[in-house]
Structures are given as C-alpha cells and as structure tokens.
Amino acid sequence: MKGTKMKTITNLNSDKKYQDPLFKWPGGKRSLLAEIMKIVPGTYSKYYEPFAGGAALFFSIKPQKAILSDTNSEVVNCYVQVRDNPEDVIKKLKQYQNSEEDYYKIRASSPYSETGRAARFLYLTALSFNGIYRTNLKGIFNVPYGHKTNIVPCQQEKILNASKALQGVSVICQDFQEIKATEGDLVYFDPPYTVAHGNNGFIKYNDKIFTWKDQERLSKFAWDLSEKGCKVIISNAWHESIIDLYSKFKRVDISRSSVMAASSSYRGKVKECLFFY
C-alpha cells in the first residue's frame, strides 16, 4: 500500500499560543507545531518522544502519561533535574551572569552536581551563538558566545512551568528502538537531520548526524509500531530517499523559512515532511 500525500503547507503561521520548550534545540519543531497538532490523535494511551531534544510537541500537548527519551545524557539530566529539583536549578542559574567572560568560564566548567550540570546546560543553550548545541569529538560543548546581552540566563517562570509539565513523566537515556510502546500509544519521532542539503549532498551530510542505517532502522521500527496498533508520527527531511522509506505512511509536505542562518539574507525556504499512520 502506498502512502497518501495529503497536502502541501506553505508560510506557516498560527495565532495559537503553545507553552515554550524549556530550551532551544537544533531542529526543534516549535515552528511546525500548528501542523503537527492537526494530525495528533484526540485520544491515546501513553505518549512517547524518543528523540526528545527540546520536546516542543510534548510541552504543547502535556500528556498525562508520557515517556521522553534521548541518547544525549545532558538533555536527559536537565529534564530530570528540572522535574525533581527546579528550585535548586533556579538558584544555581541565578548566580550566572550574561557576559562573554562568564560564558566562556561556565562553558569550560564541569559541575560536580547533577543540578549544576542542568543549570550549565540551560545557560549555554540560552546564550550560545544562534542557540546551537554542538560538541566536539570528545563530547565537549564548543559553541561560541552569542552576544545577546538582553537574554536573562535564569528564566524562572519557564523552568517552573516545565517542571509542572514534567511531573509524573519518565525521562530515560536510551536509543529510540528501546521504547516499549504498545497498542493505542502515540509515538512521535523527530530524528536528527538537516534540510540544508536537500539535493545531492543530503545523504552524505546527514550521515554525520544520523546515519542512513539509522534512518532505515527508524522507518522499519516505526512501521512495526503502527502494525502493533500504535499511532505514529514522524518528522523528517523532504527528500526522495526519505519519502521512499515511508511509502506506507500518509504524508504532509511543509515549506517554511529557514531560521538557522546567522543572517536573514541567507535564510531561504526549506521543505520537510510529516509522516503518520
């Protein structure tokens, strides 16, 4: 059975307000929420988001039963500490100042406590250049200072709101294929990818951040879950190779403005897909 291309969405705009994610994340889906929400089922048993990152969809729907997971231990630790010890995280963040000197001092630090690690993570993701999270081959965060001196490092209300939404939510560091979703559950997959190399360089470039074997593994796993009766949604790049992987799924094509370039003059239109079943 071939998937159905439902429609193409362009120039996304929505007046609806959603709760902000706790932190910025490369490839975050805040700009696509209006369209993703249209295909989120009205009822489901438990919510799974195996590539949590900024978890924009989770914070928008605030499911009563949910499991967030990611392979990035800093992401997982941050959510756990904000869920369990928000006041401690806030206290540590309030000690940090927004300046270039402080930024590089904190970037070079290695906090001993888990709440200290969470505070450092929130500080760096807030003040790094273009909100980028990137590490070198040794796993050390290496993004330069963003020079946005108007940003307050400790956004107390956002942390407390996130803590409230995370109550009762399991947060686990694991591979996406380790989730135990069953019939009636909703699973949202948002794997790492870039749409910047939508033509010949797509496969080669993306293989550095999420291998093609992982893409194939994900598409098979997603289909297996749908055959078990799970409700599955996948965000991915608009590319013929990706579309072929999800030929059994329904599809929505989305065209939006890129926000990743440093200068607006270099920001063009990018295309992405939503697959669902």
Protein backbone atom coordinates (compact mmCIF):
# COMPACT_ATOMS: atom_id res chain seq x y z
CA MET A 1 0.00 0.00 0.00
CA LYS A 2 1.39 3.39 -0.99
CA GLY A 3 1.16 6.34 1.36
CA THR A 4 -1.12 9.26 0.61
CA LYS A 5 0.28 12.72 0.08
CA MET A 6 -2.33 14.81 1.82
CA LYS A 7 -1.32 18.38 1.05
CA THR A 8 1.44 20.94 0.96
CA ILE A 9 1.61 23.63 3.65
CA THR A 10 3.46 26.90 2.99
CA ASN A 11 4.24 30.02 5.01
CA LEU A 12 3.29 28.58 8.36
CA ASN A 13 1.53 31.00 10.69
CA SER A 14 -0.58 30.38 13.75
CA ASP A 15 -2.06 32.63 16.39
CA LYS A 16 -2.39 29.76 18.84
CA LYS A 17 -0.02 30.00 21.79
CA TYR A 18 1.83 26.91 22.97
CA GLN A 19 3.98 26.51 26.04
CA ASP A 20 7.58 27.33 25.16
CA PRO A 21 10.07 24.44 25.25
CA LEU A 22 12.47 24.55 28.18
CA PHE A 23 15.44 25.28 25.92
CA LYS A 24 16.33 25.88 22.28
CA TRP A 25 17.39 22.85 20.29
CA PRO A 26 18.74 22.42 16.74
CA GLY A 27 15.91 21.19 14.54
CA GLY A 28 13.31 21.96 17.20
CA LYS A 29 9.72 21.77 15.93
CA ARG A 30 8.19 24.85 17.52
CA SER A 31 7.64 26.43 14.08
CA LEU A 32 5.83 23.30 12.85
CA LEU A 33 3.58 22.79 15.85
CA ALA A 34 0.44 24.16 14.21
CA GLU A 35 0.66 21.48 11.51
CA ILE A 36 1.82 18.64 13.74
CA MET A 37 -1.07 19.30 16.11
CA LYS A 38 -3.51 18.76 13.25
CA ILE A 39 -2.51 15.11 12.99
CA VAL A 40 -2.13 14.38 16.72
CA PRO A 41 -4.97 11.95 17.55
CA GLY A 42 -7.61 13.07 20.02
CA THR A 43 -7.13 10.02 22.23
CA TYR A 44 -4.19 7.76 23.01
CA SER A 45 -2.93 5.76 25.98
CA LYS A 46 0.67 6.88 26.56
CA TYR A 47 2.88 9.39 24.77
CA TYR A 48 6.44 8.56 23.69
CA GLU A 49 9.01 11.00 22.30
CA PRO A 50 12.24 9.04 21.69
CA PHE A 51 14.23 11.98 20.25
CA ALA A 52 13.24 14.39 22.99
CA GLY A 53 15.59 17.32 22.31
CA GLY A 54 13.57 20.45 23.04
CA ALA A 55 10.37 18.34 23.26
CA ALA A 56 8.24 21.10 21.71
CA LEU A 57 5.32 18.75 20.96
CA PHE A 58 5.37 17.28 24.46
CA PHE A 59 5.14 20.71 26.08
CA SER A 60 2.30 21.62 23.72
CA ILE A 61 0.04 18.64 24.38
CA LYS A 62 1.12 18.00 28.02
CA PRO A 63 0.12 14.30 28.05
CA GLN A 64 -0.86 12.78 31.38
CA LYS A 65 1.21 9.66 30.73
CA ALA A 66 4.48 10.13 28.88
CA ILE A 67 7.99 8.81 28.40
CA LEU A 68 10.67 11.11 26.99
CA SER A 69 14.00 9.67 25.93
CA ASP A 70 17.17 10.77 24.19
CA THR A 71 20.71 9.50 23.72
CA ASN A 72 22.10 12.83 24.95
CA SER A 73 22.71 12.41 28.67
CA GLU A 74 22.86 16.20 29.24
CA VAL A 75 19.35 16.61 27.79
CA VAL A 76 18.03 13.78 29.95
CA ASN A 77 19.72 15.08 33.12
CA CYS A 78 18.36 18.58 32.52
CA TYR A 79 14.77 17.35 32.28
CA VAL A 80 15.16 15.12 35.34
CA GLN A 81 16.60 17.93 37.47
CA VAL A 82 14.02 20.47 36.33
CA ARG A 83 11.30 17.93 37.08
CA ASP A 84 12.62 16.97 40.52
CA ASN A 85 14.70 19.93 41.73
CA PRO A 86 13.55 23.09 39.94
CA GLU A 87 14.32 25.43 42.83
CA ASP A 88 17.91 24.17 43.06
CA VAL A 89 18.41 24.64 39.31
CA ILE A 90 16.97 28.17 39.54
CA LYS A 91 19.22 29.01 42.50
CA LYS A 92 22.33 27.98 40.59
CA LEU A 93 21.28 29.76 37.39
CA LYS A 94 20.70 33.00 39.27
CA GLN A 95 24.39 33.01 40.14
CA TYR A 96 25.35 33.23 36.44
CA GLN A 97 25.75 36.47 34.52
CA ASN A 98 25.28 37.10 30.82
CA SER A 99 28.69 38.27 29.64
CA GLU A 100 31.29 36.90 27.26
CA GLU A 101 33.75 36.35 30.10
CA ASP A 102 31.21 34.47 32.21
CA TYR A 103 30.02 32.45 29.23
CA TYR A 104 33.45 31.01 28.45
CA LYS A 105 34.16 30.44 32.12
CA ILE A 106 30.93 28.44 32.51
CA ARG A 107 31.47 26.66 29.18
CA ALA A 108 34.86 25.44 30.43
CA SER A 109 33.47 24.29 33.78
CA SER A 110 32.46 20.74 34.74
CA PRO A 111 29.92 20.94 37.56
CA TYR A 112 30.02 18.05 40.00
CA SER A 113 26.34 18.00 40.94
CA GLU A 114 23.52 16.97 38.61
CA THR A 115 21.63 20.20 39.30
CA GLY A 116 24.81 22.13 38.48
CA ARG A 117 25.08 20.28 35.17
CA ALA A 118 21.45 21.12 34.39
CA ALA A 119 21.99 24.81 35.18
CA ARG A 120 25.11 24.91 33.00
CA PHE A 121 23.22 23.21 30.15
CA LEU A 122 20.35 25.73 30.31
CA TYR A 123 22.79 28.63 30.49
CA LEU A 124 24.78 27.50 27.44
CA THR A 125 21.75 26.67 25.28
CA ALA A 126 20.29 30.10 26.07
CA LEU A 127 23.39 32.15 25.31
CA SER A 128 25.28 30.19 22.64
CA PHE A 129 25.56 31.53 19.10
CA ASN A 130 22.24 31.08 17.30
CA GLY A 131 21.05 28.78 20.08
CA ILE A 132 23.18 25.94 18.72
CA TYR A 133 24.07 22.88 20.77
CA ARG A 134 27.22 21.24 19.43
CA THR A 135 30.05 19.19 20.89
CA ASN A 136 33.44 18.18 19.54
CA LEU A 137 34.63 14.59 19.05
CA LYS A 138 35.40 14.39 22.77
CA GLY A 139 31.84 15.37 23.65
CA ILE A 140 32.82 18.85 24.89
CA PHE A 141 30.43 21.73 24.18
CA ASN A 142 32.24 24.17 21.87
CA VAL A 143 29.74 26.75 20.56
CA PRO A 144 30.90 30.39 20.88
CA TYR A 145 29.10 33.11 22.78
CA GLY A 146 26.06 34.58 21.00
CA HIS A 147 26.49 38.20 22.20
CA LYS A 148 22.77 38.59 23.01
CA THR A 149 23.20 40.58 26.20
CA ASN A 150 19.45 41.12 26.59
CA ILE A 151 18.83 37.46 27.49
CA VAL A 152 18.38 36.69 31.18
CA PRO A 153 20.13 33.36 31.91
CA CYS A 154 17.62 32.30 34.57
CA GLN A 155 14.09 32.18 33.15
CA GLN A 156 12.40 31.15 36.36
CA GLU A 157 8.82 31.01 35.10
CA LYS A 158 9.76 28.81 32.14
CA ILE A 159 11.62 26.40 34.42
CA LEU A 160 8.71 26.15 36.86
CA ASN A 161 6.20 25.64 34.03
CA ALA A 162 8.39 22.91 32.55
CA SER A 163 8.74 21.27 35.95
CA LYS A 164 4.96 21.19 36.30
CA ALA A 165 4.52 19.62 32.86
CA LEU A 166 7.20 17.01 33.62
CA GLN A 167 5.62 15.73 36.83
CA GLY A 168 4.98 12.01 36.54
CA VAL A 169 6.89 11.82 33.25
CA SER A 170 9.66 9.25 32.84
CA VAL A 171 12.84 10.59 31.22
CA ILE A 172 15.33 7.99 30.03
CA CYS A 173 18.68 7.96 28.25
CA GLN A 174 18.32 5.30 25.57
CA ASP A 175 18.19 4.51 21.86
CA PHE A 176 14.85 5.11 20.12
CA GLN A 177 14.39 1.40 19.42
CA GLU A 178 14.34 0.59 23.14
CA ILE A 179 10.92 2.16 23.77
CA LYS A 180 8.14 -0.26 24.76
CA ALA A 181 5.11 1.33 23.12
CA THR A 182 2.00 -0.83 22.78
CA GLU A 183 -1.36 -0.67 21.02
CA GLY A 184 -3.09 2.68 21.49
CA ASP A 185 0.06 4.61 22.40
CA LEU A 186 1.19 7.71 20.49
CA VAL A 187 4.82 7.83 19.36
CA TYR A 188 6.38 10.96 17.87
CA PHE A 189 9.77 10.50 16.19
CA ASP A 190 11.83 13.59 15.38
CA PRO A 191 15.25 12.21 14.39
CA PRO A 192 18.28 14.44 13.80
CA TYR A 193 18.51 15.69 10.23
CA THR A 194 19.19 18.80 8.24
CA VAL A 195 17.29 20.11 5.25
CA ALA A 196 20.16 22.38 4.21
CA HIS A 197 21.49 19.78 1.78
CA GLY A 198 18.25 18.79 0.10
CA ASN A 199 19.84 17.74 -3.17
CA ASN A 200 22.92 15.66 -3.97
CA GLY A 201 24.68 16.27 -0.65
CA PHE A 202 21.77 15.19 1.54
CA ILE A 203 22.76 11.61 2.34
CA LYS A 204 26.48 12.30 2.77
CA TYR A 205 25.94 15.33 5.01
CA ASN A 206 23.18 13.84 7.17
CA ASP A 207 25.11 10.63 7.71
CA LYS A 208 27.34 12.61 10.08
CA ILE A 209 24.46 13.38 12.43
CA PHE A 210 22.18 10.35 11.98
CA THR A 211 23.42 7.54 9.74
CA TRP A 212 21.47 6.21 6.80
CA LYS A 213 21.36 2.81 8.51
CA ASP A 214 19.72 4.57 11.48
CA GLN A 215 17.19 6.16 9.12
CA GLU A 216 16.37 2.73 7.70
CA ARG A 217 16.20 1.24 11.18
CA LEU A 218 13.85 4.01 12.29
CA SER A 219 11.47 3.64 9.35
CA LYS A 220 11.18 -0.12 9.90
CA PHE A 221 10.65 0.32 13.64
CA ALA A 222 8.02 3.00 13.06
CA TRP A 223 6.12 0.71 10.69
CA ASP A 224 6.37 -2.20 13.13
CA LEU A 225 4.83 0.00 15.83
CA SER A 226 2.00 1.06 13.52
CA GLU A 227 1.25 -2.59 12.77
CA LYS A 228 1.02 -3.21 16.53
CA GLY A 229 -1.69 -0.56 16.72
CA CYS A 230 0.40 2.41 17.84
CA LYS A 231 -0.33 5.87 16.48
CA VAL A 232 2.89 7.06 14.87
CA ILE A 233 4.07 10.48 13.67
CA ILE A 234 7.49 11.15 12.13
CA SER A 235 9.14 14.46 11.23
CA ASN A 236 11.85 14.20 8.60
CA ALA A 237 13.51 15.91 5.66
CA TRP A 238 11.77 16.28 2.32
CA HIS A 239 13.94 14.10 0.16
CA GLU A 240 13.15 11.31 -2.30
CA SER A 241 15.19 8.77 -0.33
CA ILE A 242 13.34 9.60 2.89
CA ILE A 243 9.95 9.61 1.18
CA ASP A 244 10.67 6.14 -0.21
CA LEU A 245 11.42 4.87 3.30
CA TYR A 246 7.96 5.94 4.47
CA SER A 247 5.96 4.98 1.37
CA LYS A 248 3.41 3.11 3.52
CA PHE A 249 2.63 6.19 5.61
CA LYS A 250 0.41 9.17 4.89
CA ARG A 251 2.40 12.33 4.25
CA VAL A 252 2.17 16.09 4.64
CA ASP A 253 4.74 18.30 2.92
CA ILE A 254 5.67 21.50 4.71
CA SER A 255 7.52 24.51 3.33
CA ARG A 256 8.87 27.02 5.84
CA SER A 257 11.52 29.68 6.22
CA SER A 258 14.87 28.54 7.49
CA VAL A 259 15.90 30.08 10.82
CA MET A 260 19.35 28.55 11.16
CA ALA A 261 21.43 31.02 9.14
CA ALA A 262 23.11 33.79 11.11
CA SER A 263 21.89 36.46 8.70
CA SER A 264 18.32 36.74 7.46
CA SER A 265 19.66 37.40 3.96
CA TYR A 266 20.84 33.77 3.81
CA ARG A 267 17.60 32.26 5.06
CA GLY A 268 15.57 30.63 2.31
CA LYS A 269 12.68 28.21 2.12
CA VAL A 270 13.18 24.64 3.30
CA LYS A 271 10.89 21.66 2.90
CA GLU A 272 10.14 18.97 5.44
CA CYS A 273 7.71 16.07 5.75
CA LEU A 274 5.35 14.76 8.35
CA PHE A 275 4.60 11.05 8.02
CA PHE A 276 1.86 9.44 10.08
CA TYR A 277 -0.23 6.31 10.42
